PDB file of N, CA and C in Angstrom:
ATOM      1  N   MET A   1      61.459  70.678 124.651  1.00  0.00           N
ATOM      2  CA  MET A   1      62.072  71.795 123.968  1.00  0.00           C
ATOM      3  C   MET A   1      62.658  72.734 125.028  1.00  0.00           C
ATOM      4  N   ALA A   2      63.866  73.208 124.785  1.00  0.00           N
ATOM      5  CA  ALA A   2      64.545  74.103 125.724  1.00  0.00           C
ATOM      6  C   ALA A   2      63.906  75.487 125.693  1.00  0.00           C
ATOM      7  N   ASP A   3      64.032  76.192 126.821  1.00  0.00           N
ATOM      8  CA  ASP A   3      63.541  77.565 126.870  1.00  0.00           C
ATOM      9  C   ASP A   3      64.321  78.431 125.886  1.00  0.00           C
ATOM     10  N   ALA A   4      63.622  79.368 125.259  1.00  0.00           N
ATOM     11  CA  ALA A   4      64.272  80.282 124.319  1.00  0.00           C
ATOM     12  C   ALA A   4      65.178  81.242 125.084  1.00  0.00           C
ATOM     13  N   LEU A   5      66.341  81.515 124.530  1.00  0.00           N
ATOM     14  CA  LEU A   5      67.272  82.472 125.108  1.00  0.00           C
ATOM     15  C   LEU A   5      66.950  83.839 124.531  1.00  0.00           C
ATOM     16  N   ILE A   6      66.775  84.820 125.389  1.00  0.00           N
ATOM     17  CA  ILE A   6      66.457  86.166 124.935  1.00  0.00           C
ATOM     18  C   ILE A   6      67.634  87.071 125.280  1.00  0.00           C
ATOM     19  N   ALA A   7      68.171  87.719 124.255  1.00  0.00           N
ATOM     20  CA  ALA A   7      69.281  88.650 124.455  1.00  0.00           C
ATOM     21  C   ALA A   7      68.719  90.045 124.675  1.00  0.00           C
ATOM     22  N   HIS A   8      69.267  90.734 125.642  1.00  0.00           N
ATOM     23  CA  HIS A   8      68.860  92.120 125.908  1.00  0.00           C
ATOM     24  C   HIS A   8      70.011  93.040 125.519  1.00  0.00           C
ATOM     25  N   LEU A   9      69.745  93.950 124.608  1.00  0.00           N
ATOM     26  CA  LEU A   9      70.753  94.884 124.129  1.00  0.00           C
ATOM     27  C   LEU A   9      70.505  96.259 124.733  1.00  0.00           C
ATOM     28  N   PRO A  10      71.554  97.061 124.844  1.00  0.00           N
ATOM     29  CA  PRO A  10      71.336  98.438 125.288  1.00  0.00           C
ATOM     30  C   PRO A  10      70.549  99.188 124.220  1.00  0.00           C
ATOM     31  N   THR A  11      70.025 100.318 124.561  1.00  0.00           N
ATOM     32  CA  THR A  11      69.310 101.137 123.585  1.00  0.00           C
ATOM     33  C   THR A  11      70.290 101.565 122.498  1.00  0.00           C
ATOM     34  N   ILE A  12      69.944 101.276 121.257  1.00  0.00           N
ATOM     35  CA  ILE A  12      70.796 101.599 120.119  1.00  0.00           C
ATOM     36  C   ILE A  12      70.263 102.877 119.478  1.00  0.00           C
ATOM     37  N   PRO A  13      71.134 103.875 119.285  1.00  0.00           N
ATOM     38  CA  PRO A  13      70.647 105.128 118.687  1.00  0.00           C
ATOM     39  C   PRO A  13      70.252 104.929 117.224  1.00  0.00           C
ATOM     40  N   ASP A  14      69.351 105.777 116.759  1.00  0.00           N
ATOM     41  CA  ASP A  14      68.944 105.742 115.350  1.00  0.00           C
ATOM     42  C   ASP A  14      70.064 106.238 114.442  1.00  0.00           C
ATOM     43  N   ALA A  15      70.888 107.132 114.962  1.00  0.00           N
ATOM     44  CA  ALA A  15      71.984 107.715 114.182  1.00  0.00           C
ATOM     45  C   ALA A  15      73.031 108.265 115.143  1.00  0.00           C
ATOM     46  N   ILE A  16      74.219 108.487 114.617  1.00  0.00           N
ATOM     47  CA  ILE A  16      75.294 109.103 115.382  1.00  0.00           C
ATOM     48  C   ILE A  16      75.475 110.518 114.853  1.00  0.00           C
ATOM     49  N   PRO A  17      75.455 111.511 115.727  1.00  0.00           N
ATOM     50  CA  PRO A  17      75.635 112.888 115.250  1.00  0.00           C
ATOM     51  C   PRO A  17      77.010 113.067 114.597  1.00  0.00           C
ATOM     52  N   ARG A  18      77.035 113.751 113.478  1.00  0.00           N
ATOM     53  CA  ARG A  18      78.299 114.009 112.775  1.00  0.00           C
ATOM     54  C   ARG A  18      79.297 114.696 113.698  1.00  0.00           C
ATOM     55  N   ALA A  19      78.815 115.531 114.598  1.00  0.00           N
ATOM     56  CA  ALA A  19      79.704 116.211 115.543  1.00  0.00           C
ATOM     57  C   ALA A  19      80.449 115.208 116.425  1.00  0.00           C
ATOM     58  N   ALA A  20      79.816 114.081 116.740  1.00  0.00           N
ATOM     59  CA  ALA A  20      80.467 113.051 117.559  1.00  0.00           C
ATOM     60  C   ALA A  20      81.638 112.438 116.796  1.00  0.00           C
ATOM     61  N   LEU A  21      81.463 112.209 115.502  1.00  0.00           N
ATOM     62  CA  LEU A  21      82.555 111.666 114.695  1.00  0.00           C
ATOM     63  C   LEU A  21      83.697 112.671 114.588  1.00  0.00           C
ATOM     64  N   ARG A  22      83.351 113.944 114.446  1.00  0.00           N
ATOM     65  CA  ARG A  22      84.383 114.983 114.392  1.00  0.00           C
ATOM     66  C   ARG A  22      85.156 115.034 115.717  1.00  0.00           C
ATOM     67  N   THR A  23      84.455 114.848 116.823  1.00  0.00           N
ATOM     68  CA  THR A  23      85.112 114.843 118.130  1.00  0.00           C
ATOM     69  C   THR A  23      86.098 113.686 118.231  1.00  0.00           C
ATOM     70  N   ILE A  24      85.694 112.503 117.753  1.00  0.00           N
ATOM     71  CA  ILE A  24      86.595 111.345 117.766  1.00  0.00           C
ATOM     72  C   ILE A  24      87.847 111.659 116.947  1.00  0.00           C
ATOM     73  N   CYS A  25      87.672 112.216 115.767  1.00  0.00           N
ATOM     74  CA  CYS A  25      88.822 112.568 114.926  1.00  0.00           C
ATOM     75  C   CYS A  25      89.708 113.586 115.633  1.00  0.00           C
ATOM     76  N   ASP A  26      89.103 114.592 116.261  1.00  0.00           N
ATOM     77  CA  ASP A  26      89.870 115.603 116.991  1.00  0.00           C
ATOM     78  C   ASP A  26      90.699 114.972 118.101  1.00  0.00           C
ATOM     79  N   VAL A  27      90.082 114.063 118.859  1.00  0.00           N
ATOM     80  CA  VAL A  27      90.787 113.388 119.958  1.00  0.00           C
ATOM     81  C   VAL A  27      91.978 112.587 119.426  1.00  0.00           C
ATOM     82  N   LEU A  28      91.812 111.976 118.248  1.00  0.00           N
ATOM     83  CA  LEU A  28      92.884 111.188 117.645  1.00  0.00           C
ATOM     84  C   LEU A  28      93.899 112.055 116.908  1.00  0.00           C
ATOM     85  N   GLY A  29      93.612 113.354 116.779  1.00  0.00           N
ATOM     86  CA  GLY A  29      94.519 114.249 116.069  1.00  0.00           C
ATOM     87  C   GLY A  29      94.460 114.100 114.562  1.00  0.00           C
ATOM     88  N   LEU A  30      93.323 113.643 114.059  1.00  0.00           N
ATOM     89  CA  LEU A  30      93.157 113.425 112.621  1.00  0.00           C
ATOM     90  C   LEU A  30      92.228 114.475 112.023  1.00  0.00           C
ATOM     91  N   PRO A  31      92.523 114.939 110.797  1.00  0.00           N
ATOM     92  CA  PRO A  31      91.629 115.894 110.136  1.00  0.00           C
ATOM     93  C   PRO A  31      90.340 115.196 109.700  1.00  0.00           C
ATOM     94  N   ALA A  32      89.247 115.536 110.302  1.00  0.00           N
ATOM     95  CA  ALA A  32      87.973 114.853 110.050  1.00  0.00           C
ATOM     96  C   ALA A  32      87.587 114.847 108.574  1.00  0.00           C
ATOM     97  N   ASP A  33      87.892 115.920 107.851  1.00  0.00           N
ATOM     98  CA  ASP A  33      87.506 115.995 106.437  1.00  0.00           C
ATOM     99  C   ASP A  33      88.292 115.022 105.561  1.00  0.00           C
ATOM    100  N   ASP A  34      89.414 114.529 106.057  1.00  0.00           N
ATOM    101  CA  ASP A  34      90.230 113.592 105.282  1.00  0.00           C
ATOM    102  C   ASP A  34      89.964 112.135 105.640  1.00  0.00           C
ATOM    103  N   VAL A  35      89.233 111.886 106.716  1.00  0.00           N
ATOM    104  CA  VAL A  35      88.950 110.508 107.141  1.00  0.00           C
ATOM    105  C   VAL A  35      87.847 109.928 106.255  1.00  0.00           C
ATOM    106  N   ARG A  36      88.125 108.775 105.658  1.00  0.00           N
ATOM    107  CA  ARG A  36      87.162 108.114 104.776  1.00  0.00           C
ATOM    108  C   ARG A  36      86.413 107.019 105.509  1.00  0.00           C
ATOM    109  N   SER A  37      87.099 106.320 106.425  1.00  0.00           N
ATOM    110  CA  SER A  37      86.438 105.275 107.200  1.00  0.00           C
ATOM    111  C   SER A  37      87.215 105.062 108.488  1.00  0.00           C
ATOM    112  N   MET A  38      86.507 104.468 109.457  1.00  0.00           N
ATOM    113  CA  MET A  38      87.114 104.211 110.754  1.00  0.00           C
ATOM    114  C   MET A  38      86.515 102.932 111.312  1.00  0.00           C
ATOM    115  N   ASP A  39      87.384 102.056 111.792  1.00  0.00           N
ATOM    116  CA  ASP A  39      86.949 100.806 112.410  1.00  0.00           C
ATOM    117  C   ASP A  39      87.533 100.783 113.819  1.00  0.00           C
ATOM    118  N   ILE A  40      86.676 100.642 114.800  1.00  0.00           N
ATOM    119  CA  ILE A  40      87.106 100.673 116.194  1.00  0.00           C
ATOM    120  C   ILE A  40      86.790  99.333 116.833  1.00  0.00           C
ATOM    121  N   ASP A  41      87.811  98.717 117.430  1.00  0.00           N
ATOM    122  CA  ASP A  41      87.561  97.528 118.233  1.00  0.00           C
ATOM    123  C   ASP A  41      88.315  97.680 119.551  1.00  0.00           C
ATOM    124  N   SER A  42      88.281  96.679 120.377  1.00  0.00           N
ATOM    125  CA  SER A  42      88.835  96.812 121.730  1.00  0.00           C
ATOM    126  C   SER A  42      90.358  96.929 121.756  1.00  0.00           C
ATOM    127  N   ASP A  43      91.047  96.551 120.676  1.00  0.00           N
ATOM    128  CA  ASP A  43      92.506  96.582 120.659  1.00  0.00           C
ATOM    129  C   ASP A  43      93.106  97.566 119.667  1.00  0.00           C
ATOM    130  N   ASN A  44      92.290  98.087 118.755  1.00  0.00           N
ATOM    131  CA  ASN A  44      92.837  98.828 117.633  1.00  0.00           C
ATOM    132  C   ASN A  44      91.822  99.796 117.044  1.00  0.00           C
ATOM    133  N   VAL A  45      92.314 100.915 116.532  1.00  0.00           N
ATOM    134  CA  VAL A  45      91.504 101.818 115.719  1.00  0.00           C
ATOM    135  C   VAL A  45      92.186 101.867 114.358  1.00  0.00           C
ATOM    136  N   THR A  46      91.470 101.473 113.318  1.00  0.00           N
ATOM    137  CA  THR A  46      92.010 101.513 111.963  1.00  0.00           C
ATOM    138  C   THR A  46      91.279 102.603 111.200  1.00  0.00           C
ATOM    139  N   VAL A  47      92.056 103.485 110.592  1.00  0.00           N
ATOM    140  CA  VAL A  47      91.485 104.633 109.898  1.00  0.00           C
ATOM    141  C   VAL A  47      92.016 104.671 108.470  1.00  0.00           C
ATOM    142  N   ALA A  48      91.126 104.878 107.514  1.00  0.00           N
ATOM    143  CA  ALA A  48      91.511 105.127 106.126  1.00  0.00           C
ATOM    144  C   ALA A  48      91.295 106.620 105.878  1.00  0.00           C
ATOM    145  N   LEU A  49      92.336 107.286 105.379  1.00  0.00           N
ATOM    146  CA  LEU A  49      92.201 108.718 105.131  1.00  0.00           C
ATOM    147  C   LEU A  49      92.955 109.111 103.886  1.00  0.00           C
ATOM    148  N   TYR A  50      92.559 110.278 103.340  1.00  0.00           N
ATOM    149  CA  TYR A  50      93.247 110.812 102.174  1.00  0.00           C
ATOM    150  C   TYR A  50      94.668 111.178 102.558  1.00  0.00           C
ATOM    151  N   ALA A  51      95.617 110.827 101.697  1.00  0.00           N
ATOM    152  CA  ALA A  51      96.999 111.258 101.877  1.00  0.00           C
ATOM    153  C   ALA A  51      97.111 112.682 101.331  1.00  0.00           C
ATOM    154  N   CYS A  52      97.765 113.558 102.095  1.00  0.00           N
ATOM    155  CA  CYS A  52      97.915 114.958 101.693  1.00  0.00           C
ATOM    156  C   CYS A  52      99.380 115.355 101.730  1.00  0.00           C
ATOM    157  N   ASP A  53      99.719 116.382 100.955  1.00  0.00           N
ATOM    158  CA  ASP A  53     101.081 116.908 101.006  1.00  0.00           C
ATOM    159  C   ASP A  53     101.198 117.903 102.157  1.00  0.00           C
ATOM    160  N   LYS A  54     102.368 118.531 102.301  1.00  0.00           N
ATOM    161  CA  LYS A  54     102.607 119.455 103.424  1.00  0.00           C
ATOM    162  C   LYS A  54     101.667 120.655 103.405  1.00  0.00           C
ATOM    163  N   GLN A  55     101.166 121.014 102.224  1.00  0.00           N
ATOM    164  CA  GLN A  55     100.246 122.143 102.101  1.00  0.00           C
ATOM    165  C   GLN A  55      98.791 121.734 102.311  1.00  0.00           C
ATOM    166  N   GLY A  56      98.559 120.445 102.550  1.00  0.00           N
ATOM    167  CA  GLY A  56      97.197 119.968 102.794  1.00  0.00           C
ATOM    168  C   GLY A  56      96.437 119.573 101.543  1.00  0.00           C
ATOM    169  N   GLN A  57      97.117 119.558 100.401  1.00  0.00           N
ATOM    170  CA  GLN A  57      96.466 119.161  99.151  1.00  0.00           C
ATOM    171  C   GLN A  57      96.441 117.641  99.055  1.00  0.00           C
ATOM    172  N   LYS A  58      95.302 117.088  98.654  1.00  0.00           N
ATOM    173  CA  LYS A  58      95.181 115.641  98.523  1.00  0.00           C
ATOM    174  C   LYS A  58      96.083 115.132  97.408  1.00  0.00           C
ATOM    175  N   LEU A  59      96.784 114.029  97.677  1.00  0.00           N
ATOM    176  CA  LEU A  59      97.641 113.420  96.677  1.00  0.00           C
ATOM    177  C   LEU A  59      96.800 112.581  95.730  1.00  0.00           C
ATOM    178  N   VAL A  60      97.196 112.574  94.463  1.00  0.00           N
ATOM    179  CA  VAL A  60      96.473 111.838  93.425  1.00  0.00           C
ATOM    180  C   VAL A  60      97.461 110.935  92.697  1.00  0.00           C
ATOM    181  N   ALA A  61      97.043 109.729  92.398  1.00  0.00           N
ATOM    182  CA  ALA A  61      97.842 108.795  91.599  1.00  0.00           C
ATOM    183  C   ALA A  61      96.904 108.068  90.651  1.00  0.00           C
ATOM    184  N   GLY A  62      97.228 108.067  89.387  1.00  0.00           N
ATOM    185  CA  GLY A  62      96.396 107.379  88.406  1.00  0.00           C
ATOM    186  C   GLY A  62      95.001 107.974  88.308  1.00  0.00           C
ATOM    187  N   GLY A  63      94.866 109.255  88.611  1.00  0.00           N
ATOM    188  CA  GLY A  63      93.568 109.916  88.522  1.00  0.00           C
ATOM    189  C   GLY A  63      92.688 109.765  89.745  1.00  0.00           C
ATOM    190  N   ASP A  64      93.139 109.014  90.742  1.00  0.00           N
ATOM    191  CA  ASP A  64      92.354 108.810  91.963  1.00  0.00           C
ATOM    192  C   ASP A  64      93.099 109.373  93.168  1.00  0.00           C
ATOM    193  N   ALA A  65      92.333 109.796  94.154  1.00  0.00           N
ATOM    194  CA  ALA A  65      92.938 110.261  95.398  1.00  0.00           C
ATOM    195  C   ALA A  65      93.642 109.090  96.084  1.00  0.00           C
ATOM    196  N   VAL A  66      94.786 109.384  96.679  1.00  0.00           N
ATOM    197  CA  VAL A  66      95.542 108.353  97.406  1.00  0.00           C
ATOM    198  C   VAL A  66      94.943 108.224  98.802  1.00  0.00           C
ATOM    199  N   ILE A  67      94.614 107.006  99.175  1.00  0.00           N
ATOM    200  CA  ILE A  67      94.059 106.737 100.496  1.00  0.00           C
ATOM    201  C   ILE A  67      95.018 105.810 101.225  1.00  0.00           C
ATOM    202  N   VAL A  68      95.343 106.168 102.456  1.00  0.00           N
ATOM    203  CA  VAL A  68      96.228 105.338 103.273  1.00  0.00           C
ATOM    204  C   VAL A  68      95.461 104.817 104.474  1.00  0.00           C
ATOM    205  N   ALA A  69      95.866 103.651 104.947  1.00  0.00           N
ATOM    206  CA  ALA A  69      95.258 103.068 106.141  1.00  0.00           C
ATOM    207  C   ALA A  69      96.287 103.131 107.263  1.00  0.00           C
ATOM    208  N   ILE A  70      95.857 103.614 108.419  1.00  0.00           N
ATOM    209  CA  ILE A  70      96.725 103.642 109.581  1.00  0.00           C
ATOM    210  C   ILE A  70      96.058 102.841 110.697  1.00  0.00           C
ATOM    211  N   SER A  71      96.879 102.276 111.537  1.00  0.00           N
ATOM    212  CA  SER A  71      96.379 101.472 112.651  1.00  0.00           C
ATOM    213  C   SER A  71      96.927 102.066 113.940  1.00  0.00           C
ATOM    214  N   ILE A  72      96.037 102.343 114.884  1.00  0.00           N
ATOM    215  CA  ILE A  72      96.411 102.936 116.153  1.00  0.00           C
ATOM    216  C   ILE A  72      96.034 101.939 117.258  1.00  0.00           C
ATOM    217  N   PRO A  73      97.031 101.420 117.983  1.00  0.00           N
ATOM    218  CA  PRO A  73      96.697 100.463 119.049  1.00  0.00           C
ATOM    219  C   PRO A  73      95.991 101.137 120.222  1.00  0.00           C
ATOM    220  N   VAL A  74      95.134 100.390 120.869  1.00  0.00           N
ATOM    221  CA  VAL A  74      94.457 100.860 122.078  1.00  0.00           C
ATOM    222  C   VAL A  74      95.236 100.306 123.272  1.00  0.00           C
ATOM    223  N   ARG A  75      95.647 101.186 124.161  1.00  0.00           N
ATOM    224  CA  ARG A  75      96.409 100.747 125.339  1.00  0.00           C
ATOM    225  C   ARG A  75      95.774 101.276 126.589  1.00  0.00           C
TER     226      ARG A  75
END
């Protein structure tokens, strides 16, 4: 029988402070309160956020808030 392979991971936090997420949004120039989800990988950041008008009011269609997905390349 082959020796078992043991993977060693870095220390994983129990939680991420909300302030850290707000900082990420600030760095990206996105309004944190409008961000619904964020996916970060080595080549891309994909963000789903509420669509708003020029006055900052959330857009609604069919009774639901309009959510748009944007993709930001990592360079």
